[in-house]
Structure formats: structure tokens, C-alpha cells
């Protein structure tokens, strides 16, 4: 089963000092438009070759633009044995609505 967090829930966890690894699976050109500080950039198509970069301890939040690609990656990682993975529902687009309106929407 795919676990999800809203951008507001992710923000609250970060604000309360919860250790989270955020992985942004968008393409480089998308990061040039807007990005979350501290997020680890691993494009979706590189995930299978980058498993050693994804921690198996602590919570991992996968994000993209609107939540579709990140849901696919989070599901795939779960199938690879990761039990600590969450999809950020709505992606960075929803983050700009719920958390930080200064982030450009595209």
C-alpha cells in the first residue's frame, strides 16, 4: 500500500524537527523553475541505479510536480523492500498552494 503525506504534513514534520529525506524525482529543467531546499535530486529514470543513495532508515518522502511520478517511484521503492517511503500528494505544485506561495507554479 502506498503511504502519502500532504505538503502541509511534510512541512509540519520538518518544522517540528522530524528527520526526513526528501527526494525530488523531477527533471533538471523543472528544478530550475522551483525547488525545495535540502531535497535530494534523483530524476525518476535514475532511481533504479541510485538505490544506494536512498536511506532505508528514517522516513523518505518522494516528490515531483503534481504527485504522479513520485507515486510511481514510491510504489516501486516499496516493491524493492523500502518500508519507509511516502509519496508527497500534489507535489511541489500543491506545496506552493499549501505551504509557500512564493514558489513559482508551472
C-alpha atoms as a PDB file:
ATOM      1  CA  UNK A   1       0.000   0.000   0.000  1.00  0.00           C
ATOM      2  CA  UNK A   2       1.261   3.443  -0.936  1.00  0.00           C
ATOM      3  CA  UNK A   3       1.695   5.813   2.000  1.00  0.00           C
ATOM      4  CA  UNK A   4       1.148   9.518   1.363  1.00  0.00           C
ATOM      5  CA  UNK A   5       1.702  12.808   3.122  1.00  0.00           C
ATOM      6  CA  UNK A   6       0.338  16.183   2.085  1.00  0.00           C
ATOM      7  CA  UNK A   7       2.777  19.060   1.618  1.00  0.00           C
ATOM      8  CA  UNK A   8       1.375  20.611   4.789  1.00  0.00           C
ATOM      9  CA  UNK A   9       2.112  17.395   6.724  1.00  0.00           C
ATOM     10  CA  UNK A  10       5.665  17.276   5.331  1.00  0.00           C
ATOM     11  CA  UNK A  11       6.193  20.930   6.271  1.00  0.00           C
ATOM     12  CA  UNK A  12       4.886  20.339   9.810  1.00  0.00           C
ATOM     13  CA  UNK A  13       7.178  17.353  10.295  1.00  0.00           C
ATOM     14  CA  UNK A  14      10.172  19.369   9.115  1.00  0.00           C
ATOM     15  CA  UNK A  15       9.216  22.342  11.279  1.00  0.00           C
ATOM     16  CA  UNK A  16       8.922  20.051  14.306  1.00  0.00           C
ATOM     17  CA  UNK A  17      12.440  18.708  13.741  1.00  0.00           C
ATOM     18  CA  UNK A  18      11.459  15.341  12.256  1.00  0.00           C
ATOM     19  CA  UNK A  19      14.298  13.932  10.180  1.00  0.00           C
ATOM     20  CA  UNK A  20      13.051  13.416   6.626  1.00  0.00           C
ATOM     21  CA  UNK A  21      14.888  12.704   3.415  1.00  0.00           C
ATOM     22  CA  UNK A  22      13.060  14.392   0.549  1.00  0.00           C
ATOM     23  CA  UNK A  23      13.839  13.055  -2.915  1.00  0.00           C
ATOM     24  CA  UNK A  24      12.786  15.168  -5.888  1.00  0.00           C
ATOM     25  CA  UNK A  25      12.315  12.971  -8.970  1.00  0.00           C
ATOM     26  CA  UNK A  26      11.628  15.826 -11.408  1.00  0.00           C
ATOM     27  CA  UNK A  27      13.885  16.697 -14.329  1.00  0.00           C
ATOM     28  CA  UNK A  28      16.668  19.283 -14.025  1.00  0.00           C
ATOM     29  CA  UNK A  29      14.763  21.874 -16.069  1.00  0.00           C
ATOM     30  CA  UNK A  30      11.919  21.670 -13.532  1.00  0.00           C
ATOM     31  CA  UNK A  31      14.279  22.302 -10.634  1.00  0.00           C
ATOM     32  CA  UNK A  32      15.455  25.441 -12.427  1.00  0.00           C
ATOM     33  CA  UNK A  33      11.895  26.789 -12.029  1.00  0.00           C
ATOM     34  CA  UNK A  34      11.461  25.953  -8.344  1.00  0.00           C
ATOM     35  CA  UNK A  35      12.809  23.547  -5.770  1.00  0.00           C
ATOM     36  CA  UNK A  36      12.680  22.692  -2.088  1.00  0.00           C
ATOM     37  CA  UNK A  37      15.848  23.496  -0.185  1.00  0.00           C
ATOM     38  CA  UNK A  38      17.538  20.369   1.078  1.00  0.00           C
ATOM     39  CA  UNK A  39      15.777  17.970  -1.284  1.00  0.00           C
ATOM     40  CA  UNK A  40      17.963  15.339  -2.931  1.00  0.00           C
ATOM     41  CA  UNK A  41      17.577  15.390  -6.719  1.00  0.00           C
ATOM     42  CA  UNK A  42      17.387  11.955  -8.334  1.00  0.00           C
ATOM     43  CA  UNK A  43      15.440  12.067 -11.622  1.00  0.00           C
ATOM     44  CA  UNK A  44      12.810   9.359 -11.951  1.00  0.00           C
ATOM     45  CA  UNK A  45      14.672   7.438 -14.651  1.00  0.00           C
ATOM     46  CA  UNK A  46      17.821   7.293 -12.477  1.00  0.00           C
ATOM     47  CA  UNK A  47      16.127   5.810  -9.396  1.00  0.00           C
ATOM     48  CA  UNK A  48      16.853   2.131 -10.240  1.00  0.00           C
ATOM     49  CA  UNK A  49      20.589   2.888 -10.415  1.00  0.00           C
ATOM     50  CA  UNK A  50      20.587   5.093  -7.311  1.00  0.00           C
ATOM     51  CA  UNK A  51      19.146   2.792  -4.647  1.00  0.00           C
ATOM     52  CA  UNK A  52      22.291   3.116  -2.522  1.00  0.00           C
ATOM     53  CA  UNK A  53      21.589   6.871  -2.221  1.00  0.00           C
ATOM     54  CA  UNK A  54      18.153   6.264  -0.698  1.00  0.00           C
ATOM     55  CA  UNK A  55      18.227   5.646   3.056  1.00  0.00           C
ATOM     56  CA  UNK A  56      16.490   2.590   4.438  1.00  0.00           C
ATOM     57  CA  UNK A  57      16.357   4.153   7.905  1.00  0.00           C
ATOM     58  CA  UNK A  58      14.191   7.171   8.658  1.00  0.00           C
ATOM     59  CA  UNK A  59      11.325   8.494   6.587  1.00  0.00           C
ATOM     60  CA  UNK A  60      11.800   9.196   2.877  1.00  0.00           C
ATOM     61  CA  UNK A  61       9.400  11.497   1.023  1.00  0.00           C
ATOM     62  CA  UNK A  62       9.288  11.268  -2.767  1.00  0.00           C
ATOM     63  CA  UNK A  63       8.095  14.361  -4.624  1.00  0.00           C
ATOM     64  CA  UNK A  64       7.584  15.578  -8.174  1.00  0.00           C
ATOM     65  CA  UNK A  65       5.490  18.301  -9.820  1.00  0.00           C
ATOM     66  CA  UNK A  66       1.982  17.060  -9.041  1.00  0.00           C
ATOM     67  CA  UNK A  67       2.387  13.655  -7.382  1.00  0.00           C
ATOM     68  CA  UNK A  68       2.070  11.243 -10.305  1.00  0.00           C
ATOM     69  CA  UNK A  69       5.712  10.405 -10.944  1.00  0.00           C
ATOM     70  CA  UNK A  70       6.506  10.401  -7.247  1.00  0.00           C
ATOM     71  CA  UNK A  71       3.653   7.950  -6.591  1.00  0.00           C
ATOM     72  CA  UNK A  72       5.108   5.597  -9.202  1.00  0.00           C
ATOM     73  CA  UNK A  73       8.584   5.869  -7.667  1.00  0.00           C
ATOM     74  CA  UNK A  74       7.295   5.450  -4.104  1.00  0.00           C
ATOM     75  CA  UNK A  75       5.319   2.356  -5.133  1.00  0.00           C
ATOM     76  CA  UNK A  76       8.333   0.903  -6.969  1.00  0.00           C
ATOM     77  CA  UNK A  77      10.606   1.530  -3.968  1.00  0.00           C
ATOM     78  CA  UNK A  78       8.063  -0.213  -1.738  1.00  0.00           C
ATOM     79  CA  UNK A  79       8.201  -3.202  -4.084  1.00  0.00           C
ATOM     80  CA  UNK A  80      12.013  -3.146  -3.699  1.00  0.00           C
ATOM     81  CA  UNK A  81      11.647  -3.574   0.063  1.00  0.00           C
ATOM     82  CA  UNK A  82      11.648   0.038   1.269  1.00  0.00           C
ATOM     83  CA  UNK A  83       9.097   0.368   4.067  1.00  0.00           C
ATOM     84  CA  UNK A  84       9.842   3.972   4.980  1.00  0.00           C
ATOM     85  CA  UNK A  85       8.702   5.710   1.773  1.00  0.00           C
ATOM     86  CA  UNK A  86       5.909   8.265   1.378  1.00  0.00           C
ATOM     87  CA  UNK A  87       4.547   9.988  -1.699  1.00  0.00           C
ATOM     88  CA  UNK A  88       4.048  13.752  -1.318  1.00  0.00           C
ATOM     89  CA  UNK A  89       0.493  14.105  -2.628  1.00  0.00           C
ATOM     90  CA  UNK A  90       0.109  17.005  -5.046  1.00  0.00           C
ATOM     91  CA  UNK A  91       3.862  17.523  -5.364  1.00  0.00           C
ATOM     92  CA  UNK A  92       5.621  20.867  -5.400  1.00  0.00           C
ATOM     93  CA  UNK A  93       2.610  22.422  -7.106  1.00  0.00           C
ATOM     94  CA  UNK A  94       0.472  21.687  -4.047  1.00  0.00           C
ATOM     95  CA  UNK A  95       3.364  22.803  -1.793  1.00  0.00           C
ATOM     96  CA  UNK A  96       3.188  26.226  -3.447  1.00  0.00           C
ATOM     97  CA  UNK A  97      -0.551  26.341  -2.650  1.00  0.00           C
ATOM     98  CA  UNK A  98      -0.487  24.964   0.919  1.00  0.00           C
ATOM     99  CA  UNK A  99       2.922  25.974   2.266  1.00  0.00           C
ATOM    100  CA  UNK A 100       4.872  28.573   0.276  1.00  0.00           C
ATOM    101  CA  UNK A 101       3.080  30.764  -2.261  1.00  0.00           C
ATOM    102  CA  UNK A 102       6.403  32.368  -3.254  1.00  0.00           C
ATOM    103  CA  UNK A 103       7.348  29.219  -5.204  1.00  0.00           C
ATOM    104  CA  UNK A 104       6.530  29.663  -8.894  1.00  0.00           C
ATOM    105  CA  UNK A 105       3.845  27.374 -10.268  1.00  0.00           C
ATOM    106  CA  UNK A 106       4.226  25.831 -13.700  1.00  0.00           C
END
